[in-house]
Amino acid sequence: MLTYNQAFYQLKELLQPLYDPNEAAAISHLLLEHITGLTKMERLDKRDILFTEEQQQLFDGKAKELIRGKPIQYVTNSAWFLGKEFYVNEQVLIPRPETEELTAWITQEITNHKSQIINILDIGTGSGCIPISLKLALPHSNIASCDISVEALKVAQVNASRLNAAINFLQLDFLDFEEHNNLGIYDVIVSNPPYIPAEEKERLHSNVRDYEPALALFVPDNDALVFYKAIAFFGKDHLGKNGSIYCELDAAHAEECSALFEAVGYKNVEIKKDMHGNWRMLKAELGIGNQE
């Protein structure tokens, strides 16, 4: 049996062909915490404790998955988003910091400017991290969330149940405009849609390319804004007066996406940088008079 300390350094070394030393160390700590239930500091005090037989078997199996490039979040079925733990598997994207920033932006603006009950639609449920986080922060809101993937919706429902968030989940293909008839009128529409051109697939890190769901990542090479177009036109008929759309963006198409919403007739179109200085978020307002 390995000690906690031996297991950490063994895994860190095995992961360094795939990750830089700091990331390899972070992943190793996460797996050890998952297996032992002890934090990094707690394990430092018990570094010479031996794995139990069950822990050793778990470590050996999950280490093999990590060495093949499987993301730690899928190995542990756990990802953190705005301070809450979400269940994830390979049917959904791993929640990312940029999406946290988008969700926090929405929460702040609604909290600052609206006190009445509001209706929100999230397009592209995935793990449910956006709609569930909004519901927890804005309990007065009514939130619906749609996805084409039945398997993704199952994951989101698990998370909503665990976190006690009442969300109306809907299975539909948002690019099928006839299915828009199944949706209502909303004060806020939010989406982190697929936006990576298929031709860029090989440029992605293998742990994204080989494990995260292609359905949630890629769009046709000749139409990178296909989802943004659908969202912009949908909003014209499904946003209430003074309603707003918030989207996560591909920085490479941020200006183009902003121009699209302006061309469709939205007001006060704003793109915002993330913590790394990349243009990764958009807000567009419907404006009074766009809907009768």
Foldseek 3Di string as FASTA:
>chain_A
DAFLQRLLVVLLVLCCVQDPSVVSNVLSQVLSCLLPVDHPVRCVVRRRDDDDPVSVVLSVVLSVVVSVPADSCQSSQWADAPRDIAGAHQAADHDDPLVSVLLVVVLVVCVVPPDAEFEEEEEACQQVRRVQVSCVSPVSYAYEYEDQDPVRVVNNVVRCVVSVGDYHYYHDDLLPVVCLVVDAAGQEYEYAAAQAAPVCLVVDRCNCSVRHDPRRHYDHNVCSCSVLLSVLVSNLPRYDAFGKYKYFDDLVCLVVSLVSNVVSPWPPWDFDADPVRGRTMIMTTNHPPSHD
